[in-house]
C-alpha atoms as a PDB file:
ATOM      1  CA  UNK A   1      75.173  72.110  73.988  1.00  0.00           C
ATOM      2  CA  UNK A   2      76.205  73.183  77.570  1.00  0.00           C
ATOM      3  CA  UNK A   3      78.307  76.065  78.559  1.00  0.00           C
ATOM      4  CA  UNK A   4      80.122  76.499  81.911  1.00  0.00           C
ATOM      5  CA  UNK A   5      82.410  79.298  83.209  1.00  0.00           C
ATOM      6  CA  UNK A   6      84.919  78.612  85.846  1.00  0.00           C
ATOM      7  CA  UNK A   7      87.214  81.231  87.386  1.00  0.00           C
ATOM      8  CA  UNK A   8      90.615  80.232  88.518  1.00  0.00           C
ATOM      9  CA  UNK A   9      90.542  82.383  91.628  1.00  0.00           C
ATOM     10  CA  UNK A  10      87.802  82.662  94.232  1.00  0.00           C
ATOM     11  CA  UNK A  11      84.969  85.178  93.718  1.00  0.00           C
ATOM     12  CA  UNK A  12      86.247  88.755  94.038  1.00  0.00           C
ATOM     13  CA  UNK A  13      86.507  90.155  97.505  1.00  0.00           C
ATOM     14  CA  UNK A  14      86.182  93.725  96.746  1.00  0.00           C
ATOM     15  CA  UNK A  15      85.765  96.547  99.388  1.00  0.00           C
ATOM     16  CA  UNK A  16      86.946  99.944 100.319  1.00  0.00           C
ATOM     17  CA  UNK A  17      90.557  98.707 100.509  1.00  0.00           C
ATOM     18  CA  UNK A  18      90.296  97.438  96.972  1.00  0.00           C
ATOM     19  CA  UNK A  19      91.651  94.037  97.987  1.00  0.00           C
ATOM     20  CA  UNK A  20      91.166  91.335  95.363  1.00  0.00           C
ATOM     21  CA  UNK A  21      92.580  88.046  94.380  1.00  0.00           C
ATOM     22  CA  UNK A  22      95.472  87.166  92.076  1.00  0.00           C
ATOM     23  CA  UNK A  23      95.033  85.146  88.753  1.00  0.00           C
ATOM     24  CA  UNK A  24      92.515  86.541  86.394  1.00  0.00           C
ATOM     25  CA  UNK A  25      91.853  83.648  83.964  1.00  0.00           C
ATOM     26  CA  UNK A  26      88.387  82.490  82.980  1.00  0.00           C
ATOM     27  CA  UNK A  27      87.653  79.020  81.673  1.00  0.00           C
ATOM     28  CA  UNK A  28      84.773  78.516  79.273  1.00  0.00           C
ATOM     29  CA  UNK A  29      83.812  74.918  78.672  1.00  0.00           C
ATOM     30  CA  UNK A  30      81.380  73.665  76.030  1.00  0.00           C
ATOM     31  CA  UNK A  31      80.137  70.259  75.065  1.00  0.00           C
ATOM     32  CA  UNK A  32      79.202  69.989  71.421  1.00  0.00           C
ATOM     33  CA  UNK A  33      75.754  68.421  70.644  1.00  0.00           C
ATOM     34  CA  UNK A  34      75.591  65.097  69.031  1.00  0.00           C
ATOM     35  CA  UNK A  35      73.815  66.547  65.868  1.00  0.00           C
ATOM     36  CA  UNK A  36      76.222  69.393  65.396  1.00  0.00           C
ATOM     37  CA  UNK A  37      77.384  69.933  61.709  1.00  0.00           C
ATOM     38  CA  UNK A  38      81.115  70.442  61.319  1.00  0.00           C
ATOM     39  CA  UNK A  39      82.036  74.174  61.328  1.00  0.00           C
ATOM     40  CA  UNK A  40      85.120  76.213  62.148  1.00  0.00           C
ATOM     41  CA  UNK A  41      85.678  76.518  65.778  1.00  0.00           C
ATOM     42  CA  UNK A  42      86.139  80.248  65.825  1.00  0.00           C
ATOM     43  CA  UNK A  43      82.754  80.574  64.100  1.00  0.00           C
ATOM     44  CA  UNK A  44      81.134  78.147  66.490  1.00  0.00           C
ATOM     45  CA  UNK A  45      82.468  79.910  69.492  1.00  0.00           C
ATOM     46  CA  UNK A  46      81.500  83.380  68.202  1.00  0.00           C
ATOM     47  CA  UNK A  47      77.898  82.066  67.686  1.00  0.00           C
ATOM     48  CA  UNK A  48      77.662  80.664  71.227  1.00  0.00           C
ATOM     49  CA  UNK A  49      79.645  83.118  73.274  1.00  0.00           C
ATOM     50  CA  UNK A  50      80.077  86.080  70.937  1.00  0.00           C
ATOM     51  CA  UNK A  51      78.108  88.267  73.162  1.00  0.00           C
ATOM     52  CA  UNK A  52      81.128  88.492  75.419  1.00  0.00           C
ATOM     53  CA  UNK A  53      83.978  87.545  73.257  1.00  0.00           C
ATOM     54  CA  UNK A  54      84.743  88.928  69.762  1.00  0.00           C
ATOM     55  CA  UNK A  55      85.822  86.694  66.884  1.00  0.00           C
ATOM     56  CA  UNK A  56      89.221  88.422  66.824  1.00  0.00           C
ATOM     57  CA  UNK A  57      89.796  87.527  70.437  1.00  0.00           C
ATOM     58  CA  UNK A  58      88.743  84.035  69.798  1.00  0.00           C
ATOM     59  CA  UNK A  59      91.361  83.713  67.000  1.00  0.00           C
ATOM     60  CA  UNK A  60      94.094  85.344  69.166  1.00  0.00           C
ATOM     61  CA  UNK A  61      93.232  82.677  71.792  1.00  0.00           C
ATOM     62  CA  UNK A  62      93.644  79.906  69.266  1.00  0.00           C
ATOM     63  CA  UNK A  63      96.976  81.326  68.130  1.00  0.00           C
ATOM     64  CA  UNK A  64      98.100  81.465  71.752  1.00  0.00           C
ATOM     65  CA  UNK A  65      97.153  77.757  72.249  1.00  0.00           C
ATOM     66  CA  UNK A  66      94.299  78.845  74.542  1.00  0.00           C
ATOM     67  CA  UNK A  67      91.589  76.884  72.711  1.00  0.00           C
ATOM     68  CA  UNK A  68      91.634  73.102  73.511  1.00  0.00           C
ATOM     69  CA  UNK A  69      89.444  70.335  72.032  1.00  0.00           C
ATOM     70  CA  UNK A  70      89.422  67.004  73.858  1.00  0.00           C
ATOM     71  CA  UNK A  71      92.446  68.106  75.795  1.00  0.00           C
ATOM     72  CA  UNK A  72      94.618  69.229  72.755  1.00  0.00           C
ATOM     73  CA  UNK A  73      95.231  72.858  71.454  1.00  0.00           C
ATOM     74  CA  UNK A  74      93.617  73.550  68.089  1.00  0.00           C
ATOM     75  CA  UNK A  75      93.777  76.326  65.587  1.00  0.00           C
ATOM     76  CA  UNK A  76      90.889  78.629  64.685  1.00  0.00           C
ATOM     77  CA  UNK A  77      90.316  76.686  61.472  1.00  0.00           C
ATOM     78  CA  UNK A  78      89.604  73.412  63.307  1.00  0.00           C
ATOM     79  CA  UNK A  79      86.226  72.081  62.462  1.00  0.00           C
ATOM     80  CA  UNK A  80      84.349  70.898  65.463  1.00  0.00           C
ATOM     81  CA  UNK A  81      82.678  67.554  65.619  1.00  0.00           C
ATOM     82  CA  UNK A  82      79.721  66.041  67.599  1.00  0.00           C
ATOM     83  CA  UNK A  83      80.515  65.400  71.270  1.00  0.00           C
ATOM     84  CA  UNK A  84      83.761  67.448  71.231  1.00  0.00           C
ATOM     85  CA  UNK A  85      84.772  68.892  74.593  1.00  0.00           C
ATOM     86  CA  UNK A  86      86.007  72.477  74.115  1.00  0.00           C
ATOM     87  CA  UNK A  87      87.906  74.545  76.682  1.00  0.00           C
ATOM     88  CA  UNK A  88      88.550  78.170  76.074  1.00  0.00           C
ATOM     89  CA  UNK A  89      91.115  80.019  78.299  1.00  0.00           C
ATOM     90  CA  UNK A  90      90.509  83.692  78.410  1.00  0.00           C
ATOM     91  CA  UNK A  91      91.409  86.748  80.588  1.00  0.00           C
ATOM     92  CA  UNK A  92      88.688  87.036  83.182  1.00  0.00           C
ATOM     93  CA  UNK A  93      85.753  89.559  82.597  1.00  0.00           C
ATOM     94  CA  UNK A  94      85.773  92.650  84.667  1.00  0.00           C
ATOM     95  CA  UNK A  95      83.141  94.883  86.082  1.00  0.00           C
ATOM     96  CA  UNK A  96      82.052  97.679  83.713  1.00  0.00           C
ATOM     97  CA  UNK A  97      83.839 100.719  85.212  1.00  0.00           C
ATOM     98  CA  UNK A  98      84.359 104.027  83.563  1.00  0.00           C
ATOM     99  CA  UNK A  99      88.065 103.894  83.053  1.00  0.00           C
ATOM    100  CA  UNK A 100      89.616 107.429  83.019  1.00  0.00           C
ATOM    101  CA  UNK A 101      93.360 108.017  82.352  1.00  0.00           C
ATOM    102  CA  UNK A 102      94.958 109.601  85.262  1.00  0.00           C
ATOM    103  CA  UNK A 103      98.513 111.063  85.573  1.00  0.00           C
ATOM    104  CA  UNK A 104      99.758 108.861  88.376  1.00  0.00           C
ATOM    105  CA  UNK A 105     103.440 108.020  88.649  1.00  0.00           C
ATOM    106  CA  UNK A 106     104.313 104.325  88.089  1.00  0.00           C
ATOM    107  CA  UNK A 107     107.562 102.446  88.224  1.00  0.00           C
ATOM    108  CA  UNK A 108     108.041 100.757  84.867  1.00  0.00           C
ATOM    109  CA  UNK A 109     110.566  97.885  84.949  1.00  0.00           C
ATOM    110  CA  UNK A 110     110.199  96.822  81.414  1.00  0.00           C
ATOM    111  CA  UNK A 111     108.125  97.691  78.341  1.00  0.00           C
ATOM    112  CA  UNK A 112     107.835  96.706  74.694  1.00  0.00           C
ATOM    113  CA  UNK A 113     105.022  96.503  72.163  1.00  0.00           C
ATOM    114  CA  UNK A 114     103.408  93.525  73.721  1.00  0.00           C
ATOM    115  CA  UNK A 115     103.935  93.634  77.520  1.00  0.00           C
ATOM    116  CA  UNK A 116     104.586  96.026  80.330  1.00  0.00           C
ATOM    117  CA  UNK A 117     106.033  95.057  83.716  1.00  0.00           C
ATOM    118  CA  UNK A 118     105.409  97.425  86.673  1.00  0.00           C
ATOM    119  CA  UNK A 119     106.808  97.629  90.223  1.00  0.00           C
ATOM    120  CA  UNK A 120     103.653  98.361  92.077  1.00  0.00           C
ATOM    121  CA  UNK A 121     103.771 100.531  95.093  1.00  0.00           C
ATOM    122  CA  UNK A 122     101.840  99.212  98.098  1.00  0.00           C
ATOM    123  CA  UNK A 123      99.330 102.085  98.482  1.00  0.00           C
ATOM    124  CA  UNK A 124      97.860 101.696  94.970  1.00  0.00           C
ATOM    125  CA  UNK A 125      94.805  99.554  94.020  1.00  0.00           C
ATOM    126  CA  UNK A 126      95.263  97.569  90.789  1.00  0.00           C
ATOM    127  CA  UNK A 127      91.978  98.364  89.217  1.00  0.00           C
ATOM    128  CA  UNK A 128      88.693 100.362  90.039  1.00  0.00           C
ATOM    129  CA  UNK A 129      86.231  98.641  92.368  1.00  0.00           C
ATOM    130  CA  UNK A 130      83.857  99.576  95.210  1.00  0.00           C
ATOM    131  CA  UNK A 131      85.317 102.415  97.132  1.00  0.00           C
ATOM    132  CA  UNK A 132      88.121 102.892  94.478  1.00  0.00           C
ATOM    133  CA  UNK A 133      86.607 104.318  91.352  1.00  0.00           C
ATOM    134  CA  UNK A 134      89.825 106.362  90.497  1.00  0.00           C
ATOM    135  CA  UNK A 135      93.438 106.416  91.356  1.00  0.00           C
ATOM    136  CA  UNK A 136      94.190 102.857  90.427  1.00  0.00           C
ATOM    137  CA  UNK A 137      97.106 101.249  88.481  1.00  0.00           C
ATOM    138  CA  UNK A 138      94.920 100.816  85.519  1.00  0.00           C
ATOM    139  CA  UNK A 139      94.094 104.553  85.440  1.00  0.00           C
ATOM    140  CA  UNK A 140      97.698 105.231  85.582  1.00  0.00           C
ATOM    141  CA  UNK A 141      98.540 102.767  82.812  1.00  0.00           C
ATOM    142  CA  UNK A 142      95.745 104.220  80.654  1.00  0.00           C
ATOM    143  CA  UNK A 143      97.640 107.610  80.900  1.00  0.00           C
ATOM    144  CA  UNK A 144     100.889 106.059  80.058  1.00  0.00           C
ATOM    145  CA  UNK A 145      99.746 104.595  76.775  1.00  0.00           C
ATOM    146  CA  UNK A 146      96.597 105.325  74.926  1.00  0.00           C
ATOM    147  CA  UNK A 147      95.605 101.786  73.890  1.00  0.00           C
ATOM    148  CA  UNK A 148      95.073  98.627  75.844  1.00  0.00           C
ATOM    149  CA  UNK A 149      93.448  95.553  74.443  1.00  0.00           C
ATOM    150  CA  UNK A 150      90.257  96.614  72.773  1.00  0.00           C
ATOM    151  CA  UNK A 151      87.173  94.850  71.423  1.00  0.00           C
ATOM    152  CA  UNK A 152      84.942  94.393  74.612  1.00  0.00           C
ATOM    153  CA  UNK A 153      84.660  97.013  77.234  1.00  0.00           C
ATOM    154  CA  UNK A 154      83.657  94.334  79.685  1.00  0.00           C
ATOM    155  CA  UNK A 155      87.282  93.172  79.865  1.00  0.00           C
ATOM    156  CA  UNK A 156      89.632  94.428  82.413  1.00  0.00           C
ATOM    157  CA  UNK A 157      92.258  96.150  80.384  1.00  0.00           C
ATOM    158  CA  UNK A 158      95.439  94.257  80.131  1.00  0.00           C
ATOM    159  CA  UNK A 159      95.276  92.334  83.443  1.00  0.00           C
ATOM    160  CA  UNK A 160      95.979  88.622  83.879  1.00  0.00           C
ATOM    161  CA  UNK A 161      96.734  88.756  87.607  1.00  0.00           C
ATOM    162  CA  UNK A 162      96.748  91.380  90.363  1.00  0.00           C
ATOM    163  CA  UNK A 163      98.218  92.258  93.766  1.00  0.00           C
ATOM    164  CA  UNK A 164      96.335  93.371  96.892  1.00  0.00           C
ATOM    165  CA  UNK A 165      96.288  96.761  98.031  1.00  0.00           C
ATOM    166  CA  UNK A 166      99.165  96.947 100.608  1.00  0.00           C
ATOM    167  CA  UNK A 167     101.217  94.471  98.702  1.00  0.00           C
ATOM    168  CA  UNK A 168     104.069  95.835  96.712  1.00  0.00           C
ATOM    169  CA  UNK A 169     106.053  94.415  93.828  1.00  0.00           C
ATOM    170  CA  UNK A 170     105.976  93.024  90.147  1.00  0.00           C
ATOM    171  CA  UNK A 171     102.878  92.779  87.996  1.00  0.00           C
ATOM    172  CA  UNK A 172     102.607  92.265  84.373  1.00  0.00           C
ATOM    173  CA  UNK A 173     100.033  93.579  81.842  1.00  0.00           C
ATOM    174  CA  UNK A 174      99.450  92.563  78.222  1.00  0.00           C
ATOM    175  CA  UNK A 175      99.324  95.353  75.686  1.00  0.00           C
ATOM    176  CA  UNK A 176      97.637  93.394  72.879  1.00  0.00           C
ATOM    177  CA  UNK A 177      94.833  90.859  72.692  1.00  0.00           C
ATOM    178  CA  UNK A 178      97.346  88.164  71.670  1.00  0.00           C
ATOM    179  CA  UNK A 179      99.829  88.926  74.387  1.00  0.00           C
ATOM    180  CA  UNK A 180      96.909  88.903  76.942  1.00  0.00           C
ATOM    181  CA  UNK A 181      95.739  85.497  75.755  1.00  0.00           C
ATOM    182  CA  UNK A 182      99.262  84.046  75.712  1.00  0.00           C
ATOM    183  CA  UNK A 183      99.937  85.272  79.290  1.00  0.00           C
ATOM    184  CA  UNK A 184      96.471  84.012  80.450  1.00  0.00           C
ATOM    185  CA  UNK A 185      97.487  80.547  79.072  1.00  0.00           C
ATOM    186  CA  UNK A 186     100.811  80.741  81.030  1.00  0.00           C
ATOM    187  CA  UNK A 187      98.890  81.491  84.165  1.00  0.00           C
ATOM    188  CA  UNK A 188      96.511  78.598  83.523  1.00  0.00           C
ATOM    189  CA  UNK A 189      99.376  76.262  82.848  1.00  0.00           C
ATOM    190  CA  UNK A 190     101.098  77.613  86.083  1.00  0.00           C
ATOM    191  CA  UNK A 191     104.366  78.190  84.305  1.00  0.00           C
ATOM    192  CA  UNK A 192     104.554  81.759  85.458  1.00  0.00           C
ATOM    193  CA  UNK A 193     107.340  82.030  88.097  1.00  0.00           C
ATOM    194  CA  UNK A 194     106.433  84.052  91.129  1.00  0.00           C
ATOM    195  CA  UNK A 195     108.138  84.492  94.429  1.00  0.00           C
ATOM    196  CA  UNK A 196     107.079  86.776  97.314  1.00  0.00           C
ATOM    197  CA  UNK A 197     108.929  88.000 100.347  1.00  0.00           C
ATOM    198  CA  UNK A 198     106.897  88.004 103.578  1.00  0.00           C
ATOM    199  CA  UNK A 199     107.667  88.917 107.159  1.00  0.00           C
ATOM    200  CA  UNK A 200     105.460  86.654 109.366  1.00  0.00           C
ATOM    201  CA  UNK A 201     104.904  86.448 113.199  1.00  0.00           C
ATOM    202  CA  UNK A 202     106.496  83.558 114.937  1.00  0.00           C
ATOM    203  CA  UNK A 203     109.238  81.081 114.278  1.00  0.00           C
ATOM    204  CA  UNK A 204     108.364  78.286 111.888  1.00  0.00           C
ATOM    205  CA  UNK A 205     109.512  74.885 113.063  1.00  0.00           C
ATOM    206  CA  UNK A 206     110.705  73.885 109.543  1.00  0.00           C
ATOM    207  CA  UNK A 207     113.103  75.517 107.326  1.00  0.00           C
ATOM    208  CA  UNK A 208     110.803  74.948 104.389  1.00  0.00           C
ATOM    209  CA  UNK A 209     107.272  73.454 103.593  1.00  0.00           C
ATOM    210  CA  UNK A 210     104.176  73.286 101.482  1.00  0.00           C
ATOM    211  CA  UNK A 211     100.891  74.556 102.577  1.00  0.00           C
ATOM    212  CA  UNK A 212      97.915  72.842 100.711  1.00  0.00           C
ATOM    213  CA  UNK A 213      94.357  73.806 101.616  1.00  0.00           C
ATOM    214  CA  UNK A 214      91.355  74.998  99.624  1.00  0.00           C
ATOM    215  CA  UNK A 215      90.677  78.681  99.970  1.00  0.00           C
ATOM    216  CA  UNK A 216      87.217  80.110  99.954  1.00  0.00           C
ATOM    217  CA  UNK A 217      85.249  83.089 101.477  1.00  0.00           C
ATOM    218  CA  UNK A 218      84.980  83.188 105.144  1.00  0.00           C
ATOM    219  CA  UNK A 219      81.367  82.584 106.113  1.00  0.00           C
ATOM    220  CA  UNK A 220      81.551  84.877 109.061  1.00  0.00           C
ATOM    221  CA  UNK A 221      83.501  87.719 107.426  1.00  0.00           C
ATOM    222  CA  UNK A 222      82.764  88.512 103.770  1.00  0.00           C
ATOM    223  CA  UNK A 223      85.904  90.588 103.222  1.00  0.00           C
ATOM    224  CA  UNK A 224      88.194  87.750 104.442  1.00  0.00           C
ATOM    225  CA  UNK A 225      89.262  84.285 102.954  1.00  0.00           C
ATOM    226  CA  UNK A 226      89.357  80.983 104.901  1.00  0.00           C
ATOM    227  CA  UNK A 227      91.272  77.780 104.470  1.00  0.00           C
ATOM    228  CA  UNK A 228      89.204  74.686 104.150  1.00  0.00           C
ATOM    229  CA  UNK A 229      91.669  71.821 104.628  1.00  0.00           C
ATOM    230  CA  UNK A 230      89.160  69.084 103.964  1.00  0.00           C
ATOM    231  CA  UNK A 231      88.464  70.303 100.532  1.00  0.00           C
ATOM    232  CA  UNK A 232      84.723  70.565 100.907  1.00  0.00           C
ATOM    233  CA  UNK A 233      84.610  74.314 100.063  1.00  0.00           C
ATOM    234  CA  UNK A 234      86.666  76.868  98.198  1.00  0.00           C
ATOM    235  CA  UNK A 235      89.255  76.131  95.525  1.00  0.00           C
ATOM    236  CA  UNK A 236      92.491  74.171  95.420  1.00  0.00           C
ATOM    237  CA  UNK A 237      95.488  76.318  96.539  1.00  0.00           C
ATOM    238  CA  UNK A 238      99.197  75.455  97.100  1.00  0.00           C
ATOM    239  CA  UNK A 239     101.927  77.694  98.564  1.00  0.00           C
ATOM    240  CA  UNK A 240     105.493  76.702  99.055  1.00  0.00           C
ATOM    241  CA  UNK A 241     107.537  78.596 101.638  1.00  0.00           C
ATOM    242  CA  UNK A 242     111.208  78.625 102.775  1.00  0.00           C
ATOM    243  CA  UNK A 243     112.735  80.488 105.773  1.00  0.00           C
ATOM    244  CA  UNK A 244     115.281  83.102 104.842  1.00  0.00           C
ATOM    245  CA  UNK A 245     115.992  84.747 108.244  1.00  0.00           C
ATOM    246  CA  UNK A 246     114.884  83.989 111.645  1.00  0.00           C
ATOM    247  CA  UNK A 247     114.484  87.069 114.066  1.00  0.00           C
ATOM    248  CA  UNK A 248     112.981  85.204 117.068  1.00  0.00           C
ATOM    249  CA  UNK A 249     109.476  86.709 117.245  1.00  0.00           C
ATOM    250  CA  UNK A 250     109.245  87.245 113.479  1.00  0.00           C
ATOM    251  CA  UNK A 251     110.649  85.375 110.460  1.00  0.00           C
ATOM    252  CA  UNK A 252     111.400  86.494 106.859  1.00  0.00           C
ATOM    253  CA  UNK A 253     110.167  83.823 104.430  1.00  0.00           C
ATOM    254  CA  UNK A 254     109.994  83.356 100.745  1.00  0.00           C
ATOM    255  CA  UNK A 255     106.735  82.129  99.296  1.00  0.00           C
ATOM    256  CA  UNK A 256     106.346  80.538  95.901  1.00  0.00           C
ATOM    257  CA  UNK A 257     102.832  80.207  94.446  1.00  0.00           C
ATOM    258  CA  UNK A 258     101.698  77.100  92.714  1.00  0.00           C
ATOM    259  CA  UNK A 259      98.106  78.546  92.406  1.00  0.00           C
ATOM    260  CA  UNK A 260      96.765  82.087  92.511  1.00  0.00           C
ATOM    261  CA  UNK A 261      93.828  82.489  94.929  1.00  0.00           C
ATOM    262  CA  UNK A 262      92.443  85.539  96.721  1.00  0.00           C
ATOM    263  CA  UNK A 263      94.825  86.516  99.619  1.00  0.00           C
ATOM    264  CA  UNK A 264      96.515  83.134  99.238  1.00  0.00           C
ATOM    265  CA  UNK A 265      99.855  83.758 100.971  1.00  0.00           C
ATOM    266  CA  UNK A 266      98.116  85.793 103.774  1.00  0.00           C
ATOM    267  CA  UNK A 267      95.625  83.171 104.403  1.00  0.00           C
ATOM    268  CA  UNK A 268      97.808  80.112 104.165  1.00  0.00           C
ATOM    269  CA  UNK A 269     100.456  81.655 106.419  1.00  0.00           C
ATOM    270  CA  UNK A 270      97.820  82.488 109.065  1.00  0.00           C
ATOM    271  CA  UNK A 271      96.485  78.918 108.671  1.00  0.00           C
ATOM    272  CA  UNK A 272      99.858  77.472 109.875  1.00  0.00           C
ATOM    273  CA  UNK A 273     100.083  79.995 112.711  1.00  0.00           C
ATOM    274  CA  UNK A 274     102.281  82.686 111.087  1.00  0.00           C
ATOM    275  CA  UNK A 275     100.183  85.576 110.224  1.00  0.00           C
ATOM    276  CA  UNK A 276     101.788  88.253 108.097  1.00  0.00           C
ATOM    277  CA  UNK A 277     103.326  91.192 110.096  1.00  0.00           C
ATOM    278  CA  UNK A 278     100.903  94.152 110.247  1.00  0.00           C
ATOM    279  CA  UNK A 279      98.302  92.494 108.142  1.00  0.00           C
ATOM    280  CA  UNK A 280      95.270  94.346 109.441  1.00  0.00           C
ATOM    281  CA  UNK A 281      92.631  92.164 107.710  1.00  0.00           C
ATOM    282  CA  UNK A 282      93.979  88.952 109.312  1.00  0.00           C
ATOM    283  CA  UNK A 283      95.024  90.138 112.673  1.00  0.00           C
ATOM    284  CA  UNK A 284      98.605  90.703 112.105  1.00  0.00           C
ATOM    285  CA  UNK A 285      98.480  94.282 113.268  1.00  0.00           C
ATOM    286  CA  UNK A 286      98.569  93.106 116.910  1.00  0.00           C
ATOM    287  CA  UNK A 287     101.379  91.674 118.956  1.00  0.00           C
ATOM    288  CA  UNK A 288     101.111  88.076 118.309  1.00  0.00           C
ATOM    289  CA  UNK A 289     104.560  87.008 119.594  1.00  0.00           C
ATOM    290  CA  UNK A 290     107.038  88.461 122.036  1.00  0.00           C
ATOM    291  CA  UNK A 291     107.161  89.973 125.649  1.00  0.00           C
ATOM    292  CA  UNK A 292     104.799  92.110 127.670  1.00  0.00           C
ATOM    293  CA  UNK A 293     107.398  94.806 128.228  1.00  0.00           C
ATOM    294  CA  UNK A 294     106.375  98.443 127.472  1.00  0.00           C
ATOM    295  CA  UNK A 295     109.552  98.977 125.443  1.00  0.00           C
ATOM    296  CA  UNK A 296     108.741  95.902 123.151  1.00  0.00           C
ATOM    297  CA  UNK A 297     105.268  97.283 122.767  1.00  0.00           C
ATOM    298  CA  UNK A 298     106.720 100.622 121.707  1.00  0.00           C
ATOM    299  CA  UNK A 299     109.129  98.957 119.334  1.00  0.00           C
ATOM    300  CA  UNK A 300     106.201  97.176 117.495  1.00  0.00           C
ATOM    301  CA  UNK A 301     104.085 100.328 117.247  1.00  0.00           C
ATOM    302  CA  UNK A 302     107.116 102.057 115.728  1.00  0.00           C
ATOM    303  CA  UNK A 303     107.592  99.260 113.214  1.00  0.00           C
ATOM    304  CA  UNK A 304     103.861  99.468 112.286  1.00  0.00           C
ATOM    305  CA  UNK A 305     104.231 103.213 111.624  1.00  0.00           C
ATOM    306  CA  UNK A 306     107.205 102.663 109.372  1.00  0.00           C
ATOM    307  CA  UNK A 307     105.418 100.009 107.294  1.00  0.00           C
ATOM    308  CA  UNK A 308     101.658 100.640 107.766  1.00  0.00           C
ATOM    309  CA  UNK A 309     100.607  97.701 105.699  1.00  0.00           C
ATOM    310  CA  UNK A 310     101.061  93.902 105.443  1.00  0.00           C
ATOM    311  CA  UNK A 311     104.669  92.783 105.028  1.00  0.00           C
ATOM    312  CA  UNK A 312     104.322  91.158 101.559  1.00  0.00           C
ATOM    313  CA  UNK A 313     106.382  91.955  98.412  1.00  0.00           C
ATOM    314  CA  UNK A 314     106.190  90.308  94.897  1.00  0.00           C
ATOM    315  CA  UNK A 315     109.941  90.015  94.494  1.00  0.00           C
ATOM    316  CA  UNK A 316     110.285  87.979  91.240  1.00  0.00           C
ATOM    317  CA  UNK A 317     108.348  87.443  88.092  1.00  0.00           C
ATOM    318  CA  UNK A 318     109.285  85.119  85.219  1.00  0.00           C
ATOM    319  CA  UNK A 319     107.364  84.297  82.053  1.00  0.00           C
ATOM    320  CA  UNK A 320     107.787  83.421  78.333  1.00  0.00           C
ATOM    321  CA  UNK A 321     107.504  86.484  76.104  1.00  0.00           C
ATOM    322  CA  UNK A 322     104.301  85.992  74.084  1.00  0.00           C
ATOM    323  CA  UNK A 323     105.876  87.039  70.800  1.00  0.00           C
ATOM    324  CA  UNK A 324     109.572  86.439  71.014  1.00  0.00           C
ATOM    325  CA  UNK A 325     109.361  83.214  72.989  1.00  0.00           C
ATOM    326  CA  UNK A 326     112.216  84.438  75.149  1.00  0.00           C
ATOM    327  CA  UNK A 327     112.343  83.635  78.884  1.00  0.00           C
ATOM    328  CA  UNK A 328     111.810  86.869  80.744  1.00  0.00           C
ATOM    329  CA  UNK A 329     112.815  87.305  84.390  1.00  0.00           C
ATOM    330  CA  UNK A 330     112.637  90.297  86.780  1.00  0.00           C
ATOM    331  CA  UNK A 331     113.557  91.000  90.294  1.00  0.00           C
ATOM    332  CA  UNK A 332     112.369  93.837  92.633  1.00  0.00           C
ATOM    333  CA  UNK A 333     114.230  94.534  95.782  1.00  0.00           C
ATOM    334  CA  UNK A 334     112.441  95.023  99.062  1.00  0.00           C
ATOM    335  CA  UNK A 335     110.976  98.583  99.391  1.00  0.00           C
ATOM    336  CA  UNK A 336     112.662 101.012 101.800  1.00  0.00           C
ATOM    337  CA  UNK A 337     110.033 100.618 104.455  1.00  0.00           C
ATOM    338  CA  UNK A 338     110.211  96.852 104.379  1.00  0.00           C
ATOM    339  CA  UNK A 339     113.963  96.861 104.537  1.00  0.00           C
ATOM    340  CA  UNK A 340     113.814  99.429 107.408  1.00  0.00           C
ATOM    341  CA  UNK A 341     111.524  97.201 109.497  1.00  0.00           C
ATOM    342  CA  UNK A 342     113.872  94.296 108.907  1.00  0.00           C
ATOM    343  CA  UNK A 343     116.891  96.369 110.032  1.00  0.00           C
ATOM    344  CA  UNK A 344     115.002  97.424 113.237  1.00  0.00           C
ATOM    345  CA  UNK A 345     114.331  93.818 114.074  1.00  0.00           C
ATOM    346  CA  UNK A 346     118.021  92.920 113.512  1.00  0.00           C
ATOM    347  CA  UNK A 347     119.085  95.672 115.915  1.00  0.00           C
ATOM    348  CA  UNK A 348     116.448  95.029 118.470  1.00  0.00           C
ATOM    349  CA  UNK A 349     118.213  91.934 119.824  1.00  0.00           C
ATOM    350  CA  UNK A 350     121.569  93.647 120.195  1.00  0.00           C
ATOM    351  CA  UNK A 351     120.217  96.969 121.454  1.00  0.00           C
ATOM    352  CA  UNK A 352     116.483  97.182 122.239  1.00  0.00           C
ATOM    353  CA  UNK A 353     116.629 100.752 123.550  1.00  0.00           C
ATOM    354  CA  UNK A 354     118.223 101.945 120.334  1.00  0.00           C
ATOM    355  CA  UNK A 355     115.714 100.170 118.149  1.00  0.00           C
ATOM    356  CA  UNK A 356     112.780 101.749 120.061  1.00  0.00           C
ATOM    357  CA  UNK A 357     114.335 105.233 119.967  1.00  0.00           C
ATOM    358  CA  UNK A 358     114.907 105.060 116.187  1.00  0.00           C
ATOM    359  CA  UNK A 359     111.101 105.117 115.681  1.00  0.00           C
ATOM    360  CA  UNK A 360     110.257 107.862 118.030  1.00  0.00           C
END
């Protein structure tokens, strides 16, 4: 029998900034031996991968439709047969950090017994990592409610996706094993609805478009990702974008994710020549479009001070409730600092001097 793990987002890019990727779904594939005797699939999986996944979690995965045999979902009572191809869809394993509850304010948009939706502030990191052992969203959530999915401490509590530090907006967590498995399956099936608002440098030629290009680690800079359009490296990634407002030197766009790769929107938009405004990691914290006049330079510096992070906001989130089956949809307005920068750009063209003075 062969076992293979495949993560749906690229290897973690973790540093002092705590920046990491998006979807946290792990695929475990197994090929059943020719001589295997028929046994329940939950027992079979527990025997072969039970060191990382409890039998309860396996059963919850089956109930959520996250165990497939030969391409079809099966229940935990299914008896495996020789040469069966098994696919197990699970929340991705996490590093073993000492998670400590911390009394950090969080903006809860929705909560019930199964899920919690949070409007993440840009300065907070989603979960502990190198350089960020404390003060994360997970530490705050642990304070908010005492129990997250239990059973294996190697699992990142409750998470099925994440947002970079510096990115604001909506994020969902599962509060039970079953909810977590169900949400993981939705991310795998790409049925989660996600739209982002981004302010980018430049003026895109088209009103809308699709960016397709594998995303993998940059070979020159470990903390960055790169687009490999020929598909020889990285993992498949697709971003759809639509222009919302043209402001000459910058443009407000809406981005819809079809996949969830590390820094996907940031890397894809840079790839087509429209780096996110004030994205330090990808060079957006410099004047990439505009004039050479001192007043314009001062205007940009003032804008960077107002919004000292990449101009990216997770504006909408839609999913099917794991228990009720109801379609859930949430919207988050642009944060005040993002809106303020937009207003500055709008005013700049009518009265540049006033726009510069506002930031002084």
